[in-house]
Amino acid sequence: MPATQVRSEVIVDALQVACRAPSLHNSQPWRWVATDHTVELFADPARLVRSTDATGRESLIGCGAVLDHFRVAMAATGWDTTVTRFPDHADPLHLATIEFTAATVSDEHRRRADAILLRRTDRLPLAAPPDWDRLAASLDHSVGAGPVRVDVIADELRGPLAEASQFADALRLYDSAYHIELAWWTADFVSSDGIPHSSLISAAESDRVEVGRTFPVVAQPERRSEVGDDRSAILVLSTEDDTGDSVIRCGEALSAVLLDATMAGMATCTLTHVTEVPTVRDLVASLIDPHAIPQVLVRVGLAPALDATPPPTPRRPVGHVLQIHRGETC
């Protein structure tokens, strides 16, 4: 059977949506190559956040998230995708080869793709998610069977998790390289990557979120006073090992969780500061399963209905992350 070729403009449009995926400090550590019959995903080592992510593990999580986003975007345009992960053992930066088969588009496909554009990282305090047991079951189902597990932090363990979060801050208090890098990714001049000031919170707001990375604070009136302290549910996505395949699949699972939560009307915030420091990572594991390897945490909660939708964070133009290598125009 001849391989299926998808028009270049369809791939470009899908990547425009897919690259809304979250990544550490919005570093967008991916690059794409469209060939005659496939799309290839590569990690971009030039985008590595070196002081925070020296091993590239979080870069892989971001690449897994953008891979799943791309599959969702393609499904909404009528294309099923088949993924071969790490297709070239000689090139560890070559993360995936994606092939395509024409398929029917459902309303669910469209809603899921719309959720990519609706999702924002919300660092403010969140109210408890309503009907949590039902939503948690849905999120667990989306991850499915495989190398990734999802655990919910029990209410009685929120205190120890908050202490672990504070411990992570304490261990990095005098890490000048880390703080210089953090300041660079949140600087005013950032235009197509990094974290804009509109996505940061004030010191008072930060004090009401017990589990969160300490970013440079912004001066502004305190928001969401009616919410009080953060009551979001906190999920932990873990794997059995730290192999590249498990980590990229964790990023794919992260994408699924974020989109499911968004479709349910929830706000989310992805957290990795507690999994970057080995000692703190072990503390998080002790709260769920000592044999699990925590990769990423997600706060899931309800933002006030009258809150203005925050502006989208910047993304690099698709032309900066995509190369088209085709033998003929399609």
C-alpha atoms as a PDB file:
ATOM      1  CA  MET A   1       0.000   0.000   0.000  1.00  0.00           C
ATOM      2  CA  PRO A   2       1.487   3.421  -0.922  1.00  0.00           C
ATOM      3  CA  ALA A   3       2.367   5.719   1.956  1.00  0.00           C
ATOM      4  CA  THR A   4      -0.065   8.567   2.602  1.00  0.00           C
ATOM      5  CA  GLN A   5       1.044  12.129   1.989  1.00  0.00           C
ATOM      6  CA  VAL A   6      -0.584  14.972   3.895  1.00  0.00           C
ATOM      7  CA  ARG A   7      -0.590  18.459   2.409  1.00  0.00           C
ATOM      8  CA  SER A   8       2.082  20.744   3.828  1.00  0.00           C
ATOM      9  CA  GLU A   9      -0.410  23.422   4.839  1.00  0.00           C
ATOM     10  CA  VAL A  10      -2.351  20.887   6.943  1.00  0.00           C
ATOM     11  CA  ILE A  11       0.832  19.963   8.809  1.00  0.00           C
ATOM     12  CA  VAL A  12       1.763  23.618   9.301  1.00  0.00           C
ATOM     13  CA  ASP A  13      -1.698  24.446  10.685  1.00  0.00           C
ATOM     14  CA  ALA A  14      -1.625  21.422  13.021  1.00  0.00           C
ATOM     15  CA  LEU A  15       1.812  22.365  14.318  1.00  0.00           C
ATOM     16  CA  GLN A  16       0.634  25.928  14.896  1.00  0.00           C
ATOM     17  CA  VAL A  17      -1.866  24.425  17.343  1.00  0.00           C
ATOM     18  CA  ALA A  18       0.356  21.649  18.712  1.00  0.00           C
ATOM     19  CA  CYS A  19       3.175  23.979  19.668  1.00  0.00           C
ATOM     20  CA  ARG A  20       0.874  25.493  22.292  1.00  0.00           C
ATOM     21  CA  ALA A  21       2.039  22.506  24.378  1.00  0.00           C
ATOM     22  CA  PRO A  22       3.617  23.298  27.762  1.00  0.00           C
ATOM     23  CA  SER A  23       7.361  23.015  28.322  1.00  0.00           C
ATOM     24  CA  LEU A  24       9.782  23.961  31.074  1.00  0.00           C
ATOM     25  CA  HIS A  25       9.823  27.786  31.244  1.00  0.00           C
ATOM     26  CA  ASN A  26       8.105  27.742  27.840  1.00  0.00           C
ATOM     27  CA  SER A  27      11.448  26.791  26.308  1.00  0.00           C
ATOM     28  CA  GLN A  28       9.779  24.890  23.413  1.00  0.00           C
ATOM     29  CA  PRO A  29      12.607  22.326  23.115  1.00  0.00           C
ATOM     30  CA  TRP A  30      11.464  20.701  19.865  1.00  0.00           C
ATOM     31  CA  ARG A  31      11.992  20.833  16.146  1.00  0.00           C
ATOM     32  CA  TRP A  32      10.051  19.159  13.352  1.00  0.00           C
ATOM     33  CA  VAL A  33      10.856  17.865   9.875  1.00  0.00           C
ATOM     34  CA  ALA A  34       8.124  17.097   7.325  1.00  0.00           C
ATOM     35  CA  THR A  35       9.191  14.547   4.711  1.00  0.00           C
ATOM     36  CA  ASP A  36       7.206  13.191   1.768  1.00  0.00           C
ATOM     37  CA  HIS A  37       5.173  10.788   3.893  1.00  0.00           C
ATOM     38  CA  THR A  38       6.065  11.376   7.553  1.00  0.00           C
ATOM     39  CA  VAL A  39       6.594  14.053  10.136  1.00  0.00           C
ATOM     40  CA  GLU A  40       9.696  13.653  12.315  1.00  0.00           C
ATOM     41  CA  LEU A  41      10.034  15.041  15.852  1.00  0.00           C
ATOM     42  CA  PHE A  42      13.469  15.901  17.257  1.00  0.00           C
ATOM     43  CA  ALA A  43      14.630  17.293  20.593  1.00  0.00           C
ATOM     44  CA  ASP A  44      16.441  20.604  20.187  1.00  0.00           C
ATOM     45  CA  PRO A  45      19.474  20.673  22.531  1.00  0.00           C
ATOM     46  CA  ALA A  46      19.889  24.394  21.882  1.00  0.00           C
ATOM     47  CA  ARG A  47      16.658  24.949  23.834  1.00  0.00           C
ATOM     48  CA  LEU A  48      17.770  23.006  26.917  1.00  0.00           C
ATOM     49  CA  VAL A  49      17.292  24.856  30.228  1.00  0.00           C
ATOM     50  CA  ARG A  50      20.681  23.719  31.445  1.00  0.00           C
ATOM     51  CA  SER A  51      20.827  24.762  35.102  1.00  0.00           C
ATOM     52  CA  THR A  52      17.386  23.315  35.781  1.00  0.00           C
ATOM     53  CA  ASP A  53      17.305  20.357  33.400  1.00  0.00           C
ATOM     54  CA  ALA A  54      20.899  19.196  32.963  1.00  0.00           C
ATOM     55  CA  THR A  55      19.871  15.669  31.919  1.00  0.00           C
ATOM     56  CA  GLY A  56      17.263  16.809  29.400  1.00  0.00           C
ATOM     57  CA  ARG A  57      14.505  14.858  31.162  1.00  0.00           C
ATOM     58  CA  GLU A  58      12.102  17.803  31.305  1.00  0.00           C
ATOM     59  CA  SER A  59      12.884  18.629  27.693  1.00  0.00           C
ATOM     60  CA  LEU A  60      11.662  15.127  26.813  1.00  0.00           C
ATOM     61  CA  ILE A  61       8.468  15.669  28.825  1.00  0.00           C
ATOM     62  CA  GLY A  62       7.792  18.827  26.822  1.00  0.00           C
ATOM     63  CA  CYS A  63       8.461  16.966  23.569  1.00  0.00           C
ATOM     64  CA  GLY A  64       6.058  14.223  24.645  1.00  0.00           C
ATOM     65  CA  ALA A  65       3.382  16.850  25.329  1.00  0.00           C
ATOM     66  CA  VAL A  66       3.835  18.481  21.920  1.00  0.00           C
ATOM     67  CA  LEU A  67       3.729  15.044  20.262  1.00  0.00           C
ATOM     68  CA  ASP A  68       0.337  14.286  21.805  1.00  0.00           C
ATOM     69  CA  HIS A  69      -0.906  17.796  20.978  1.00  0.00           C
ATOM     70  CA  PHE A  70       0.111  17.226  17.349  1.00  0.00           C
ATOM     71  CA  ARG A  71      -1.789  13.934  17.203  1.00  0.00           C
ATOM     72  CA  VAL A  72      -4.861  15.678  18.634  1.00  0.00           C
ATOM     73  CA  ALA A  73      -4.578  18.514  16.104  1.00  0.00           C
ATOM     74  CA  MET A  74      -4.187  16.072  13.210  1.00  0.00           C
ATOM     75  CA  ALA A  75      -7.188  14.012  14.369  1.00  0.00           C
ATOM     76  CA  ALA A  76      -9.300  17.179  14.229  1.00  0.00           C
ATOM     77  CA  THR A  77      -8.342  17.588  10.561  1.00  0.00           C
ATOM     78  CA  GLY A  78      -9.184  14.008   9.628  1.00  0.00           C
ATOM     79  CA  TRP A  79      -5.927  12.119  10.104  1.00  0.00           C
ATOM     80  CA  ASP A  80      -5.132   9.216  12.401  1.00  0.00           C
ATOM     81  CA  THR A  81      -1.500   9.000  13.420  1.00  0.00           C
ATOM     82  CA  THR A  82       0.854   6.091  14.022  1.00  0.00           C
ATOM     83  CA  VAL A  83       3.946   6.880  16.086  1.00  0.00           C
ATOM     84  CA  THR A  84       7.284   5.116  16.172  1.00  0.00           C
ATOM     85  CA  ARG A  85       9.228   6.429  19.142  1.00  0.00           C
ATOM     86  CA  PHE A  86      13.036   6.642  18.964  1.00  0.00           C
ATOM     87  CA  PRO A  87      13.149   5.293  15.401  1.00  0.00           C
ATOM     88  CA  ASP A  88      16.908   5.816  15.000  1.00  0.00           C
ATOM     89  CA  HIS A  89      18.982   4.231  17.776  1.00  0.00           C
ATOM     90  CA  ALA A  90      22.041   6.086  16.483  1.00  0.00           C
ATOM     91  CA  ASP A  91      20.350   9.465  17.057  1.00  0.00           C
ATOM     92  CA  PRO A  92      18.879   9.951  20.547  1.00  0.00           C
ATOM     93  CA  LEU A  93      17.559  13.368  19.517  1.00  0.00           C
ATOM     94  CA  HIS A  94      15.247  11.736  16.950  1.00  0.00           C
ATOM     95  CA  LEU A  95      12.230  11.183  19.161  1.00  0.00           C
ATOM     96  CA  ALA A  96       9.441  10.080  16.860  1.00  0.00           C
ATOM     97  CA  THR A  97       8.317   9.319  13.338  1.00  0.00           C
ATOM     98  CA  ILE A  98       4.630  10.015  12.676  1.00  0.00           C
ATOM     99  CA  GLU A  99       2.699   8.456   9.796  1.00  0.00           C
ATOM    100  CA  PHE A 100      -0.863   9.210   8.729  1.00  0.00           C
ATOM    101  CA  THR A 101      -4.081   7.474   7.736  1.00  0.00           C
ATOM    102  CA  ALA A 102      -7.251   9.281   6.639  1.00  0.00           C
ATOM    103  CA  ALA A 103     -10.015   9.071   9.246  1.00  0.00           C
ATOM    104  CA  THR A 104     -13.407  10.476  10.195  1.00  0.00           C
ATOM    105  CA  VAL A 105     -13.515  13.575  12.384  1.00  0.00           C
ATOM    106  CA  SER A 106     -15.832  13.491  15.412  1.00  0.00           C
ATOM    107  CA  ASP A 107     -17.122  16.296  17.616  1.00  0.00           C
ATOM    108  CA  GLU A 108     -14.880  14.903  20.373  1.00  0.00           C
ATOM    109  CA  HIS A 109     -11.827  15.330  18.141  1.00  0.00           C
ATOM    110  CA  ARG A 110     -12.752  18.977  17.543  1.00  0.00           C
ATOM    111  CA  ARG A 111     -13.445  19.655  21.220  1.00  0.00           C
ATOM    112  CA  ARG A 112     -10.116  18.172  22.197  1.00  0.00           C
ATOM    113  CA  ALA A 113      -8.232  20.301  19.670  1.00  0.00           C
ATOM    114  CA  ASP A 114     -10.136  23.384  20.875  1.00  0.00           C
ATOM    115  CA  ALA A 115      -8.966  22.579  24.411  1.00  0.00           C
ATOM    116  CA  ILE A 116      -5.355  23.063  23.281  1.00  0.00           C
ATOM    117  CA  LEU A 117      -6.147  26.699  22.499  1.00  0.00           C
ATOM    118  CA  LEU A 118      -8.186  27.188  25.680  1.00  0.00           C
ATOM    119  CA  ARG A 119      -5.591  25.787  28.092  1.00  0.00           C
ATOM    120  CA  ARG A 120      -3.473  28.185  30.137  1.00  0.00           C
ATOM    121  CA  THR A 121      -1.018  27.617  32.989  1.00  0.00           C
ATOM    122  CA  ASP A 122      -2.769  29.184  35.991  1.00  0.00           C
ATOM    123  CA  ARG A 123      -0.400  29.887  38.893  1.00  0.00           C
ATOM    124  CA  LEU A 124      -3.018  31.661  41.031  1.00  0.00           C
ATOM    125  CA  PRO A 125      -4.908  29.926  43.866  1.00  0.00           C
ATOM    126  CA  LEU A 126      -7.671  27.631  42.598  1.00  0.00           C
ATOM    127  CA  ALA A 127     -10.868  26.412  44.217  1.00  0.00           C
ATOM    128  CA  ALA A 128     -11.409  22.687  44.738  1.00  0.00           C
ATOM    129  CA  PRO A 129     -12.592  20.930  41.582  1.00  0.00           C
ATOM    130  CA  PRO A 130     -16.252  19.854  41.820  1.00  0.00           C
ATOM    131  CA  ASP A 131     -17.185  16.198  41.299  1.00  0.00           C
ATOM    132  CA  TRP A 132     -13.523  15.326  41.707  1.00  0.00           C
ATOM    133  CA  ASP A 133     -13.888  11.540  41.882  1.00  0.00           C
ATOM    134  CA  ARG A 134     -15.530  11.452  38.461  1.00  0.00           C
ATOM    135  CA  LEU A 135     -12.927  13.748  36.916  1.00  0.00           C
ATOM    136  CA  ALA A 136     -10.056  11.811  38.501  1.00  0.00           C
ATOM    137  CA  ALA A 137     -11.392   8.584  37.001  1.00  0.00           C
ATOM    138  CA  SER A 138     -11.579  10.274  33.599  1.00  0.00           C
ATOM    139  CA  LEU A 139      -8.007  11.524  33.855  1.00  0.00           C
ATOM    140  CA  ASP A 140      -6.768   8.096  34.890  1.00  0.00           C
ATOM    141  CA  HIS A 141      -8.604   6.530  31.941  1.00  0.00           C
ATOM    142  CA  SER A 142      -6.994   8.977  29.504  1.00  0.00           C
ATOM    143  CA  VAL A 143      -3.528   7.935  30.645  1.00  0.00           C
ATOM    144  CA  GLY A 144      -4.526   4.276  30.298  1.00  0.00           C
ATOM    145  CA  ALA A 145      -2.341   1.237  30.810  1.00  0.00           C
ATOM    146  CA  GLY A 146       1.338   1.758  30.175  1.00  0.00           C
ATOM    147  CA  PRO A 147       4.490   3.060  31.796  1.00  0.00           C
ATOM    148  CA  VAL A 148       2.794   6.139  33.308  1.00  0.00           C
ATOM    149  CA  ARG A 149       0.723   6.117  36.479  1.00  0.00           C
ATOM    150  CA  VAL A 150      -1.391   8.907  37.958  1.00  0.00           C
ATOM    151  CA  ASP A 151      -1.744   9.388  41.709  1.00  0.00           C
ATOM    152  CA  VAL A 152      -3.771  11.976  43.594  1.00  0.00           C
ATOM    153  CA  ILE A 153      -2.133  13.515  46.641  1.00  0.00           C
ATOM    154  CA  ALA A 154      -4.404  12.774  49.607  1.00  0.00           C
ATOM    155  CA  ASP A 155      -5.537  15.752  51.697  1.00  0.00           C
ATOM    156  CA  GLU A 156      -3.541  14.560  54.698  1.00  0.00           C
ATOM    157  CA  LEU A 157      -0.365  14.522  52.566  1.00  0.00           C
ATOM    158  CA  ARG A 158      -0.663  18.075  51.258  1.00  0.00           C
ATOM    159  CA  GLY A 159       1.326  19.349  54.242  1.00  0.00           C
ATOM    160  CA  PRO A 160       4.297  17.037  53.616  1.00  0.00           C
ATOM    161  CA  LEU A 161       4.166  17.874  49.892  1.00  0.00           C
ATOM    162  CA  ALA A 162       4.210  21.596  50.715  1.00  0.00           C
ATOM    163  CA  GLU A 163       7.239  20.984  52.926  1.00  0.00           C
ATOM    164  CA  ALA A 164       8.947  19.149  50.061  1.00  0.00           C
ATOM    165  CA  SER A 165       8.204  22.111  47.787  1.00  0.00           C
ATOM    166  CA  GLN A 166       9.738  24.513  50.305  1.00  0.00           C
ATOM    167  CA  PHE A 167      12.725  22.210  50.708  1.00  0.00           C
ATOM    168  CA  ALA A 168      13.320  22.351  46.948  1.00  0.00           C
ATOM    169  CA  ASP A 169      13.413  26.151  47.199  1.00  0.00           C
ATOM    170  CA  ALA A 170      15.778  26.015  50.159  1.00  0.00           C
ATOM    171  CA  LEU A 171      18.205  23.712  48.358  1.00  0.00           C
ATOM    172  CA  ARG A 172      18.396  26.186  45.471  1.00  0.00           C
ATOM    173  CA  LEU A 173      18.502  29.348  47.547  1.00  0.00           C
ATOM    174  CA  TYR A 174      22.176  30.003  46.743  1.00  0.00           C
ATOM    175  CA  ASP A 175      22.246  28.404  43.284  1.00  0.00           C
ATOM    176  CA  SER A 176      23.137  31.524  41.331  1.00  0.00           C
ATOM    177  CA  ALA A 177      23.118  29.781  37.929  1.00  0.00           C
ATOM    178  CA  TYR A 178      19.564  28.565  38.544  1.00  0.00           C
ATOM    179  CA  HIS A 179      18.324  32.021  39.551  1.00  0.00           C
ATOM    180  CA  ILE A 180      20.070  33.759  36.641  1.00  0.00           C
ATOM    181  CA  GLU A 181      18.472  31.308  34.248  1.00  0.00           C
ATOM    182  CA  LEU A 182      15.054  31.752  35.867  1.00  0.00           C
ATOM    183  CA  ALA A 183      15.361  35.530  35.583  1.00  0.00           C
ATOM    184  CA  TRP A 184      16.315  35.216  31.906  1.00  0.00           C
ATOM    185  CA  TRP A 185      13.247  33.112  31.060  1.00  0.00           C
ATOM    186  CA  THR A 186      10.941  35.607  32.826  1.00  0.00           C
ATOM    187  CA  ALA A 187      12.563  38.813  31.535  1.00  0.00           C
ATOM    188  CA  ASP A 188      10.508  41.644  30.022  1.00  0.00           C
ATOM    189  CA  PHE A 189      12.263  41.346  26.668  1.00  0.00           C
ATOM    190  CA  VAL A 190      11.013  37.798  26.043  1.00  0.00           C
ATOM    191  CA  SER A 191       8.775  37.867  22.961  1.00  0.00           C
ATOM    192  CA  SER A 192       8.410  34.368  21.470  1.00  0.00           C
ATOM    193  CA  ASP A 193       9.325  32.067  24.364  1.00  0.00           C
ATOM    194  CA  GLY A 194       9.751  32.202  28.124  1.00  0.00           C
ATOM    195  CA  ILE A 195       7.169  33.261  30.708  1.00  0.00           C
ATOM    196  CA  PRO A 196       5.625  36.727  30.306  1.00  0.00           C
ATOM    197  CA  HIS A 197       4.942  38.892  33.354  1.00  0.00           C
ATOM    198  CA  SER A 198       1.211  38.508  32.694  1.00  0.00           C
ATOM    199  CA  SER A 199       1.591  34.841  33.708  1.00  0.00           C
ATOM    200  CA  LEU A 200       3.441  35.553  36.980  1.00  0.00           C
ATOM    201  CA  ILE A 201       1.888  36.217  40.375  1.00  0.00           C
ATOM    202  CA  SER A 202       2.535  38.535  43.289  1.00  0.00           C
ATOM    203  CA  ALA A 203       4.235  37.599  46.555  1.00  0.00           C
ATOM    204  CA  ALA A 204       0.902  37.635  48.418  1.00  0.00           C
ATOM    205  CA  GLU A 205      -0.705  35.402  45.811  1.00  0.00           C
ATOM    206  CA  SER A 206       2.263  33.043  45.898  1.00  0.00           C
ATOM    207  CA  ASP A 207       1.911  32.719  49.669  1.00  0.00           C
ATOM    208  CA  ARG A 208      -1.594  31.293  49.138  1.00  0.00           C
ATOM    209  CA  VAL A 209      -0.326  28.496  46.854  1.00  0.00           C
ATOM    210  CA  GLU A 210       1.426  25.951  49.036  1.00  0.00           C
ATOM    211  CA  VAL A 211       2.947  23.899  46.199  1.00  0.00           C
ATOM    212  CA  GLY A 212       4.487  25.945  43.422  1.00  0.00           C
ATOM    213  CA  ARG A 213       7.772  27.016  41.889  1.00  0.00           C
ATOM    214  CA  THR A 214       9.077  30.311  43.257  1.00  0.00           C
ATOM    215  CA  PHE A 215       9.268  32.654  40.284  1.00  0.00           C
ATOM    216  CA  PRO A 216      10.237  36.333  40.351  1.00  0.00           C
ATOM    217  CA  VAL A 217       7.173  38.103  41.737  1.00  0.00           C
ATOM    218  CA  VAL A 218       5.260  40.946  40.128  1.00  0.00           C
ATOM    219  CA  ALA A 219       3.759  43.973  41.865  1.00  0.00           C
ATOM    220  CA  GLN A 220      -0.007  44.139  41.397  1.00  0.00           C
ATOM    221  CA  PRO A 221      -3.227  44.102  43.446  1.00  0.00           C
ATOM    222  CA  GLU A 222      -3.988  40.713  44.945  1.00  0.00           C
ATOM    223  CA  ARG A 223      -6.365  38.613  42.867  1.00  0.00           C
ATOM    224  CA  ARG A 224      -8.884  35.872  43.752  1.00  0.00           C
ATOM    225  CA  SER A 225      -9.248  36.886  47.369  1.00  0.00           C
ATOM    226  CA  GLU A 226     -12.604  35.064  47.326  1.00  0.00           C
ATOM    227  CA  VAL A 227     -10.804  31.758  46.691  1.00  0.00           C
ATOM    228  CA  GLY A 228      -8.538  32.037  49.736  1.00  0.00           C
ATOM    229  CA  ASP A 229      -5.754  29.473  49.910  1.00  0.00           C
ATOM    230  CA  ASP A 230      -5.278  27.100  47.003  1.00  0.00           C
ATOM    231  CA  ARG A 231      -7.522  24.033  47.177  1.00  0.00           C
ATOM    232  CA  SER A 232      -6.720  22.477  43.829  1.00  0.00           C
ATOM    233  CA  ALA A 233      -6.296  18.731  43.563  1.00  0.00           C
ATOM    234  CA  ILE A 234      -2.674  17.724  42.982  1.00  0.00           C
ATOM    235  CA  LEU A 235      -1.793  14.870  40.635  1.00  0.00           C
ATOM    236  CA  VAL A 236       1.550  13.131  40.347  1.00  0.00           C
ATOM    237  CA  LEU A 237       2.505  11.504  37.045  1.00  0.00           C
ATOM    238  CA  SER A 238       5.168   8.846  37.600  1.00  0.00           C
ATOM    239  CA  THR A 239       7.007   6.166  35.653  1.00  0.00           C
ATOM    240  CA  GLU A 240       8.787   2.945  36.548  1.00  0.00           C
ATOM    241  CA  ASP A 241      12.099   4.174  35.151  1.00  0.00           C
ATOM    242  CA  ASP A 242      13.815   7.196  33.643  1.00  0.00           C
ATOM    243  CA  THR A 243      14.332   5.786  30.161  1.00  0.00           C
ATOM    244  CA  GLY A 244      13.696   8.145  27.272  1.00  0.00           C
ATOM    245  CA  ASP A 245      10.715   6.109  26.125  1.00  0.00           C
ATOM    246  CA  SER A 246       9.038   6.283  29.549  1.00  0.00           C
ATOM    247  CA  VAL A 247       9.722   9.991  29.944  1.00  0.00           C
ATOM    248  CA  ILE A 248       8.401  10.984  26.530  1.00  0.00           C
ATOM    249  CA  ARG A 249       5.295   8.872  27.161  1.00  0.00           C
ATOM    250  CA  CYS A 250       4.894  10.733  30.447  1.00  0.00           C
ATOM    251  CA  GLY A 251       4.824  13.965  28.447  1.00  0.00           C
ATOM    252  CA  GLU A 252       2.127  12.472  26.234  1.00  0.00           C
ATOM    253  CA  ALA A 253       0.146  11.503  29.328  1.00  0.00           C
ATOM    254  CA  LEU A 254       0.608  15.018  30.701  1.00  0.00           C
ATOM    255  CA  SER A 255      -0.934  16.413  27.522  1.00  0.00           C
ATOM    256  CA  ALA A 256      -3.904  14.058  27.869  1.00  0.00           C
ATOM    257  CA  VAL A 257      -4.467  15.070  31.505  1.00  0.00           C
ATOM    258  CA  LEU A 258      -4.267  18.792  30.747  1.00  0.00           C
ATOM    259  CA  LEU A 259      -6.689  18.562  27.829  1.00  0.00           C
ATOM    260  CA  ASP A 260      -9.175  16.410  29.756  1.00  0.00           C
ATOM    261  CA  ALA A 261      -9.121  18.883  32.643  1.00  0.00           C
ATOM    262  CA  THR A 262      -9.565  21.828  30.274  1.00  0.00           C
ATOM    263  CA  MET A 263     -12.509  20.126  28.563  1.00  0.00           C
ATOM    264  CA  ALA A 264     -14.060  19.657  32.015  1.00  0.00           C
ATOM    265  CA  GLY A 265     -13.794  23.410  32.649  1.00  0.00           C
ATOM    266  CA  MET A 266     -10.855  23.159  35.044  1.00  0.00           C
ATOM    267  CA  ALA A 267      -7.732  25.311  35.273  1.00  0.00           C
ATOM    268  CA  THR A 268      -4.348  23.630  35.545  1.00  0.00           C
ATOM    269  CA  CYS A 269      -0.763  24.332  36.522  1.00  0.00           C
ATOM    270  CA  THR A 270       2.110  21.986  35.681  1.00  0.00           C
ATOM    271  CA  LEU A 271       4.859  21.664  38.327  1.00  0.00           C
ATOM    272  CA  THR A 272       8.332  20.135  38.026  1.00  0.00           C
ATOM    273  CA  HIS A 273      10.418  21.970  40.625  1.00  0.00           C
ATOM    274  CA  VAL A 274       9.867  19.125  43.117  1.00  0.00           C
ATOM    275  CA  THR A 275      11.088  16.479  40.672  1.00  0.00           C
ATOM    276  CA  GLU A 276      14.253  18.309  39.582  1.00  0.00           C
ATOM    277  CA  VAL A 277      16.172  17.779  42.821  1.00  0.00           C
ATOM    278  CA  PRO A 278      16.816  14.055  43.530  1.00  0.00           C
ATOM    279  CA  THR A 279      16.346  14.378  47.302  1.00  0.00           C
ATOM    280  CA  VAL A 280      13.019  16.128  46.920  1.00  0.00           C
ATOM    281  CA  ARG A 281      11.935  13.753  44.171  1.00  0.00           C
ATOM    282  CA  ASP A 282      12.436  10.882  46.619  1.00  0.00           C
ATOM    283  CA  LEU A 283      10.289  12.709  49.175  1.00  0.00           C
ATOM    284  CA  VAL A 284       7.464  12.997  46.654  1.00  0.00           C
ATOM    285  CA  ALA A 285       7.800   9.288  45.819  1.00  0.00           C
ATOM    286  CA  SER A 286       7.482   8.427  49.510  1.00  0.00           C
ATOM    287  CA  LEU A 287       4.018  10.055  49.505  1.00  0.00           C
ATOM    288  CA  ILE A 288       2.656   7.802  46.754  1.00  0.00           C
ATOM    289  CA  ASP A 289       4.880   4.726  46.238  1.00  0.00           C
ATOM    290  CA  PRO A 290       8.604   4.460  47.031  1.00  0.00           C
ATOM    291  CA  HIS A 291       9.088   2.456  43.824  1.00  0.00           C
ATOM    292  CA  ALA A 292       7.504   5.116  41.593  1.00  0.00           C
ATOM    293  CA  ILE A 293       9.619   7.772  39.883  1.00  0.00           C
ATOM    294  CA  PRO A 294       7.715  11.078  39.970  1.00  0.00           C
ATOM    295  CA  GLN A 295       8.136  13.034  36.749  1.00  0.00           C
ATOM    296  CA  VAL A 296       5.662  15.905  36.889  1.00  0.00           C
ATOM    297  CA  LEU A 297       2.880  17.240  39.121  1.00  0.00           C
ATOM    298  CA  VAL A 298      -0.310  18.986  38.014  1.00  0.00           C
ATOM    299  CA  ARG A 299      -2.584  21.224  40.051  1.00  0.00           C
ATOM    300  CA  VAL A 300      -6.206  20.915  38.876  1.00  0.00           C
ATOM    301  CA  GLY A 301      -8.862  23.270  40.180  1.00  0.00           C
ATOM    302  CA  LEU A 302     -11.610  25.735  39.465  1.00  0.00           C
ATOM    303  CA  ALA A 303     -10.924  29.361  38.541  1.00  0.00           C
ATOM    304  CA  PRO A 304     -13.682  31.904  39.278  1.00  0.00           C
ATOM    305  CA  ALA A 305     -16.145  32.088  36.394  1.00  0.00           C
ATOM    306  CA  LEU A 306     -15.833  35.878  36.125  1.00  0.00           C
ATOM    307  CA  ASP A 307     -12.046  35.853  35.802  1.00  0.00           C
ATOM    308  CA  ALA A 308     -10.817  37.343  32.559  1.00  0.00           C
ATOM    309  CA  THR A 309      -9.102  34.791  30.322  1.00  0.00           C
ATOM    310  CA  PRO A 310      -5.364  35.478  30.545  1.00  0.00           C
ATOM    311  CA  PRO A 311      -3.553  36.162  27.283  1.00  0.00           C
ATOM    312  CA  PRO A 312      -1.795  33.195  25.673  1.00  0.00           C
ATOM    313  CA  THR A 313       1.895  32.870  26.385  1.00  0.00           C
ATOM    314  CA  PRO A 314       4.152  33.488  23.386  1.00  0.00           C
ATOM    315  CA  ARG A 315       5.269  30.773  21.011  1.00  0.00           C
ATOM    316  CA  ARG A 316       7.939  30.715  18.347  1.00  0.00           C
ATOM    317  CA  PRO A 317       6.660  30.947  14.769  1.00  0.00           C
ATOM    318  CA  VAL A 318       6.166  27.549  13.144  1.00  0.00           C
ATOM    319  CA  GLY A 319       8.784  28.490  10.564  1.00  0.00           C
ATOM    320  CA  HIS A 320      11.381  28.536  13.350  1.00  0.00           C
ATOM    321  CA  VAL A 321      10.672  24.951  14.437  1.00  0.00           C
ATOM    322  CA  LEU A 322       9.688  23.221  11.164  1.00  0.00           C
ATOM    323  CA  GLN A 323      11.690  22.220   8.116  1.00  0.00           C
ATOM    324  CA  ILE A 324       9.923  20.806   5.064  1.00  0.00           C
ATOM    325  CA  HIS A 325      11.972  18.253   3.125  1.00  0.00           C
ATOM    326  CA  ARG A 326       9.776  17.082   0.291  1.00  0.00           C
ATOM    327  CA  GLY A 327      10.555  15.912  -3.208  1.00  0.00           C
ATOM    328  CA  GLU A 328       7.489  17.512  -4.706  1.00  0.00           C
ATOM    329  CA  THR A 329       4.921  20.150  -3.961  1.00  0.00           C
ATOM    330  CA  CYS A 330       1.709  18.847  -2.523  1.00  0.00           C
END
